[in-house]
Amino acid sequence: MIEHYRTERAAGAPLLVRFFGGEPPNDAQVEALGGLPFEIRVRPDLLPRERAAELQRQGLQAVELDAHTFHRPALIEAGRPYSPDLVRQMSRTLRGMGLRVGGVLTIGLPRSSHETCLQDAAEAAQLWSTVRLHPLLVLRHSRLRTWHEQGLYAPLRVGEAVTTVLEMMHILEAAGVTVTRVGMQPGPDGFGKAVAGPRHSSLRELVEARRVRETLMAQLQAAGIRGGAVTLRCHPADISRVKGPLQQHIRDFRARFQLDDVFVRADDTLVRGTFRVEITS
């Protein structure tokens, strides 16, 4: 398989392998790479420093810690056999070795809250260079499904997940941390065993649309607009985010600022995420 990708890859283009699993790759798996650089995603308690150093000598470049949260009560409830202190220690140790370090945070865990998720983001901002944000889904035949059916656990709704994720992204990005993914990637059968929770195939797009809405609300407010019509200019790729799901943002702008019309126009002189508000009447 590796040789297939070597030959298919354009000449001179780098090839990087990633291992996603609870445990780090074994020696046979690493040897099969033939010297290619690689990255791993591991559970924090399954990567001793000595093993990390050995893997680094074999080409390891980055480690993503499947931490879930720094909130101890939530880790205990989830049955995770490690503490927040271990995650912090591992993160600093790996960084001190010269490895790039990232992590995974889960939103909506039992015994967590919006506030503890923001605290997670603040901690991660001090330790990691990349973060994946995964709102928790309730899976069929899981303990969480039983709790949900018994009324002991209420999963986040999509809107709640969007609110929390966006505020976490504000904290992380302000510290220079890259959010590499929001939400789970649906498979051929959609979300498969997921029976409840914020299931959405484009959760990040909802988050980015909410961000755009907040930005434009602030610009319209600052312009002191009341009544009449406005034109909102944006990069062509941002048009759907400006309009919002099912044109909801347009309706919100009209209601909030008593507007007769809101026009959205593409402007390729603008970079993504920047907007120009023009009073048109």
Protein backbone atom coordinates (compact mmCIF):
# COMPACT_ATOMS: atom_id res chain seq x y z
CA MET A 1 0.00 0.00 0.00
CA ILE A 2 2.81 2.41 0.88
CA GLU A 3 4.57 1.66 -2.41
CA HIS A 4 1.32 2.32 -4.26
CA TYR A 5 1.11 5.80 -2.78
CA ARG A 6 4.80 6.40 -3.41
CA THR A 7 4.32 5.77 -7.13
CA GLU A 8 0.99 7.59 -7.38
CA ARG A 9 2.29 10.70 -5.61
CA ALA A 10 3.57 13.50 -7.82
CA ALA A 11 7.33 13.56 -8.17
CA GLY A 12 8.94 15.33 -5.25
CA ALA A 13 5.69 15.72 -3.29
CA PRO A 14 6.04 14.75 0.39
CA LEU A 15 4.21 11.71 1.69
CA LEU A 16 3.13 11.68 5.34
CA VAL A 17 1.49 8.79 7.19
CA ARG A 18 -0.92 9.21 10.11
CA PHE A 19 -1.88 6.55 12.64
CA PHE A 20 -5.24 6.98 14.38
CA GLY A 21 -5.78 4.68 17.33
CA GLY A 22 -5.80 4.33 21.07
CA GLU A 23 -2.28 2.87 21.13
CA PRO A 24 0.84 4.02 19.28
CA PRO A 25 1.96 1.98 16.25
CA ASN A 26 4.11 -1.07 16.90
CA ASP A 27 7.57 -1.64 15.44
CA ALA A 28 6.27 -3.72 12.54
CA GLN A 29 3.89 -0.96 11.48
CA VAL A 30 6.63 1.66 11.64
CA GLU A 31 9.09 -0.52 9.74
CA ALA A 32 6.49 -0.96 6.99
CA LEU A 33 6.68 2.79 6.34
CA GLY A 34 10.18 2.45 4.94
CA GLY A 35 11.45 5.60 6.62
CA LEU A 36 8.50 7.84 5.83
CA PRO A 37 7.68 10.55 8.40
CA PHE A 38 4.51 9.95 10.39
CA GLU A 39 2.13 11.38 12.96
CA ILE A 40 0.05 9.57 15.56
CA ARG A 41 -3.14 10.06 17.54
CA VAL A 42 -3.03 8.26 20.89
CA ARG A 43 -4.63 8.02 24.28
CA PRO A 44 -2.44 10.02 26.69
CA ASP A 45 -1.78 7.16 29.10
CA LEU A 46 -0.60 4.79 26.37
CA LEU A 47 2.48 6.68 25.20
CA PRO A 48 5.39 6.54 27.69
CA ARG A 49 8.14 9.08 27.10
CA GLU A 50 10.59 6.32 26.21
CA ARG A 51 8.29 5.00 23.47
CA ALA A 52 7.71 8.52 22.15
CA ALA A 53 11.48 9.07 21.94
CA GLU A 54 11.94 5.75 20.13
CA LEU A 55 9.20 6.62 17.63
CA GLN A 56 10.72 10.06 17.13
CA ARG A 57 14.01 8.44 16.09
CA GLN A 58 12.01 6.41 13.58
CA GLY A 59 10.35 9.46 12.00
CA LEU A 60 7.57 10.60 14.36
CA GLN A 61 6.87 14.29 13.84
CA ALA A 62 3.62 15.05 15.69
CA VAL A 63 1.40 13.59 18.40
CA GLU A 64 -2.31 14.22 18.84
CA LEU A 65 -3.54 13.36 22.33
CA ASP A 66 -7.04 11.93 22.54
CA ALA A 67 -7.64 13.81 25.79
CA HIS A 68 -11.38 14.63 25.59
CA THR A 69 -11.30 17.17 28.42
CA PHE A 70 -9.24 18.64 31.26
CA HIS A 71 -12.30 18.51 33.55
CA ARG A 72 -11.63 15.72 36.05
CA PRO A 73 -15.29 14.88 36.91
CA ALA A 74 -16.07 14.39 33.21
CA LEU A 75 -13.02 12.16 32.71
CA ILE A 76 -14.05 10.03 35.68
CA GLU A 77 -17.63 9.76 34.40
CA ALA A 78 -16.32 8.70 30.99
CA GLY A 79 -14.21 5.96 32.60
CA ARG A 80 -10.93 7.38 31.35
CA PRO A 81 -7.97 5.93 33.31
CA TYR A 82 -5.87 9.10 33.26
CA SER A 83 -5.98 12.49 34.93
CA PRO A 84 -5.87 16.03 33.53
CA ASP A 85 -2.44 16.37 35.11
CA LEU A 86 -1.15 13.49 32.99
CA VAL A 87 -2.44 15.18 29.83
CA ARG A 88 -0.71 18.42 30.81
CA GLN A 89 2.53 16.63 31.66
CA MET A 90 2.52 14.60 28.44
CA SER A 91 1.83 17.70 26.36
CA ARG A 92 4.76 19.61 27.87
CA THR A 93 7.07 16.61 27.66
CA LEU A 94 6.34 15.98 23.99
CA ARG A 95 6.75 19.66 23.16
CA GLY A 96 10.06 19.67 25.01
CA MET A 97 11.19 16.82 22.76
CA GLY A 98 10.59 19.01 19.71
CA LEU A 99 7.42 17.24 18.55
CA ARG A 100 4.32 19.08 17.38
CA VAL A 101 1.51 18.44 19.84
CA GLY A 102 -2.23 18.63 19.29
CA GLY A 103 -5.28 17.22 20.95
CA VAL A 104 -8.91 16.22 20.75
CA LEU A 105 -11.58 17.85 22.92
CA THR A 106 -15.08 16.44 23.27
CA ILE A 107 -18.01 18.80 23.83
CA GLY A 108 -21.09 17.68 25.77
CA LEU A 109 -19.59 14.99 28.01
CA PRO A 110 -21.61 13.97 31.09
CA ARG A 111 -20.71 16.23 34.04
CA SER A 112 -19.35 18.88 31.69
CA SER A 113 -20.90 22.24 30.78
CA HIS A 114 -20.51 25.15 28.42
CA GLU A 115 -18.21 26.77 30.98
CA THR A 116 -15.98 23.70 31.42
CA CYS A 117 -15.65 23.43 27.63
CA LEU A 118 -14.39 27.02 27.49
CA GLN A 119 -11.94 26.19 30.27
CA ASP A 120 -10.78 23.20 28.17
CA ALA A 121 -10.14 25.52 25.25
CA ALA A 122 -8.16 27.91 27.44
CA GLU A 123 -5.99 25.04 28.72
CA ALA A 124 -5.48 23.60 25.25
CA ALA A 125 -4.43 27.03 23.99
CA GLN A 126 -1.45 26.89 26.35
CA LEU A 127 -0.39 23.36 25.40
CA TRP A 128 -1.28 22.44 21.83
CA SER A 129 -0.76 23.79 18.33
CA THR A 130 -3.79 22.01 16.80
CA VAL A 131 -7.17 20.92 18.16
CA ARG A 132 -10.06 18.78 16.94
CA LEU A 133 -13.44 19.64 18.44
CA HIS A 134 -15.90 16.72 18.59
CA PRO A 135 -19.40 17.27 20.00
CA LEU A 136 -20.45 14.04 21.69
CA LEU A 137 -22.87 11.72 19.91
CA VAL A 138 -24.96 9.03 21.61
CA LEU A 139 -24.22 5.64 20.08
CA ARG A 140 -26.56 2.67 19.88
CA HIS A 141 -25.82 -0.05 22.46
CA SER A 142 -23.69 2.30 24.57
CA ARG A 143 -23.96 3.13 28.27
CA LEU A 144 -24.70 6.70 27.23
CA ARG A 145 -27.71 5.49 25.22
CA THR A 146 -29.10 3.86 28.37
CA TRP A 147 -28.57 7.05 30.35
CA HIS A 148 -30.25 9.03 27.59
CA GLU A 149 -33.27 6.73 27.58
CA GLN A 150 -33.52 6.95 31.37
CA GLY A 151 -33.37 10.74 31.30
CA LEU A 152 -29.98 10.79 33.04
CA TYR A 153 -28.15 12.42 30.12
CA ALA A 154 -29.32 15.09 27.71
CA PRO A 155 -27.15 15.39 24.57
CA LEU A 156 -26.46 18.79 23.10
CA ARG A 157 -28.75 20.11 20.41
CA VAL A 158 -27.11 21.30 17.20
CA GLY A 159 -27.56 24.97 18.10
CA GLU A 160 -26.02 24.45 21.53
CA ALA A 161 -23.05 22.66 20.02
CA VAL A 162 -22.53 25.47 17.53
CA THR A 163 -22.60 28.09 20.30
CA THR A 164 -20.04 26.26 22.44
CA VAL A 165 -17.75 25.32 19.56
CA LEU A 166 -17.65 28.89 18.24
CA GLU A 167 -16.69 30.32 21.62
CA MET A 168 -14.00 27.64 21.98
CA MET A 169 -12.67 28.51 18.53
CA HIS A 170 -12.45 32.18 19.49
CA ILE A 171 -10.26 31.24 22.48
CA LEU A 172 -8.08 28.81 20.54
CA GLU A 173 -7.56 30.93 17.44
CA ALA A 174 -6.74 34.01 19.50
CA ALA A 175 -3.82 31.99 20.89
CA GLY A 176 -2.68 30.88 17.42
CA VAL A 177 -4.05 27.34 17.70
CA THR A 178 -5.39 25.77 14.49
CA VAL A 179 -8.76 24.03 14.76
CA THR A 180 -8.27 21.20 12.29
CA ARG A 181 -11.74 19.67 12.52
CA VAL A 182 -15.19 20.28 13.98
CA GLY A 183 -17.54 17.30 14.35
CA MET A 184 -17.26 13.72 13.20
CA GLN A 185 -16.87 12.79 9.55
CA PRO A 186 -20.03 10.91 8.46
CA GLY A 187 -19.46 7.61 6.69
CA PRO A 188 -21.38 6.01 3.80
CA ASP A 189 -24.20 5.24 6.25
CA GLY A 190 -24.26 8.77 7.64
CA PHE A 191 -23.54 8.73 11.35
CA GLY A 192 -24.18 5.00 11.59
CA LYS A 193 -24.68 4.00 15.19
CA ALA A 194 -25.31 7.55 16.42
CA VAL A 195 -28.91 7.83 17.65
CA ALA A 196 -28.83 11.23 19.36
CA GLY A 197 -26.71 14.33 19.74
CA PRO A 198 -25.65 17.11 17.36
CA ARG A 199 -25.52 15.03 14.18
CA HIS A 200 -24.81 17.24 11.20
CA SER A 201 -22.75 16.53 8.11
CA SER A 202 -21.38 20.09 7.96
CA LEU A 203 -21.18 21.19 11.57
CA ARG A 204 -18.15 23.37 10.95
CA GLU A 205 -20.00 25.20 8.21
CA LEU A 206 -22.76 26.00 10.70
CA VAL A 207 -20.15 27.32 13.12
CA GLU A 208 -18.51 29.47 10.46
CA ALA A 209 -21.90 30.79 9.35
CA ARG A 210 -22.65 31.76 12.95
CA ARG A 211 -19.29 33.54 13.12
CA VAL A 212 -20.14 35.50 9.97
CA ARG A 213 -23.54 36.45 11.40
CA GLU A 214 -21.91 37.79 14.57
CA THR A 215 -19.37 39.79 12.56
CA LEU A 216 -22.00 41.35 10.32
CA MET A 217 -24.32 42.09 13.23
CA ALA A 218 -21.48 44.04 14.84
CA GLN A 219 -20.70 45.93 11.61
CA LEU A 220 -24.34 46.87 11.05
CA GLN A 221 -24.63 47.97 14.67
CA ALA A 222 -21.47 50.08 14.41
CA ALA A 223 -22.79 51.72 11.23
CA GLY A 224 -25.91 52.83 13.10
CA ILE A 225 -28.16 51.44 10.39
CA ARG A 226 -31.92 51.62 10.90
CA GLY A 227 -34.37 51.04 8.07
CA GLY A 228 -33.84 51.26 4.32
CA ALA A 229 -31.74 48.73 2.47
CA VAL A 230 -28.16 47.53 2.67
CA THR A 231 -25.79 45.60 0.44
CA LEU A 232 -23.44 43.13 2.07
CA ARG A 233 -20.33 42.46 0.00
CA CYS A 234 -18.21 39.38 0.63
CA HIS A 235 -15.80 36.94 -0.98
CA PRO A 236 -17.71 34.64 -3.41
CA ALA A 237 -17.05 31.62 -1.19
CA ASP A 238 -18.70 33.37 1.79
CA ILE A 239 -22.08 34.05 0.16
CA SER A 240 -23.84 31.07 1.74
CA ARG A 241 -22.42 31.94 5.15
CA VAL A 242 -23.65 35.52 4.86
CA LYS A 243 -27.14 34.39 3.94
CA GLY A 244 -27.18 31.67 6.60
CA PRO A 245 -29.00 28.34 6.61
CA LEU A 246 -32.28 28.76 4.71
CA GLN A 247 -31.63 32.54 4.47
CA GLN A 248 -31.98 32.84 8.26
CA HIS A 249 -29.29 35.52 8.60
CA ILE A 250 -31.04 37.75 6.07
CA ARG A 251 -34.25 37.50 8.07
CA ASP A 252 -32.35 38.25 11.28
CA PHE A 253 -30.71 41.36 9.78
CA ARG A 254 -34.05 42.63 8.51
CA ALA A 255 -35.75 42.17 11.86
CA ARG A 256 -32.91 43.51 14.01
CA PHE A 257 -32.26 46.65 11.96
CA GLN A 258 -35.76 47.21 10.52
CA LEU A 259 -34.47 46.81 6.97
CA ASP A 260 -36.62 46.73 3.87
CA ASP A 261 -34.06 44.77 1.83
CA VAL A 262 -30.72 43.05 2.29
CA PHE A 263 -28.70 42.34 -0.84
CA VAL A 264 -25.69 40.01 -0.87
CA ARG A 265 -23.07 40.58 -3.55
CA ALA A 266 -19.88 38.67 -4.35
CA ASP A 267 -16.69 40.74 -4.36
CA ASP A 268 -13.47 38.93 -5.21
CA THR A 269 -11.39 41.88 -3.99
CA LEU A 270 -12.29 40.87 -0.43
CA VAL A 271 -10.53 38.06 1.42
CA ARG A 272 -12.61 35.36 3.09
CA GLY A 273 -14.11 36.42 6.39
CA THR A 274 -14.09 40.13 5.61
CA PHE A 275 -17.15 42.12 4.58
CA ARG A 276 -18.24 45.53 3.40
CA VAL A 277 -21.58 47.05 4.36
CA GLU A 278 -23.08 49.61 1.98
CA ILE A 279 -26.25 51.62 2.51
CA THR A 280 -28.16 51.37 -0.75
CA SER A 281 -31.20 53.52 0.02
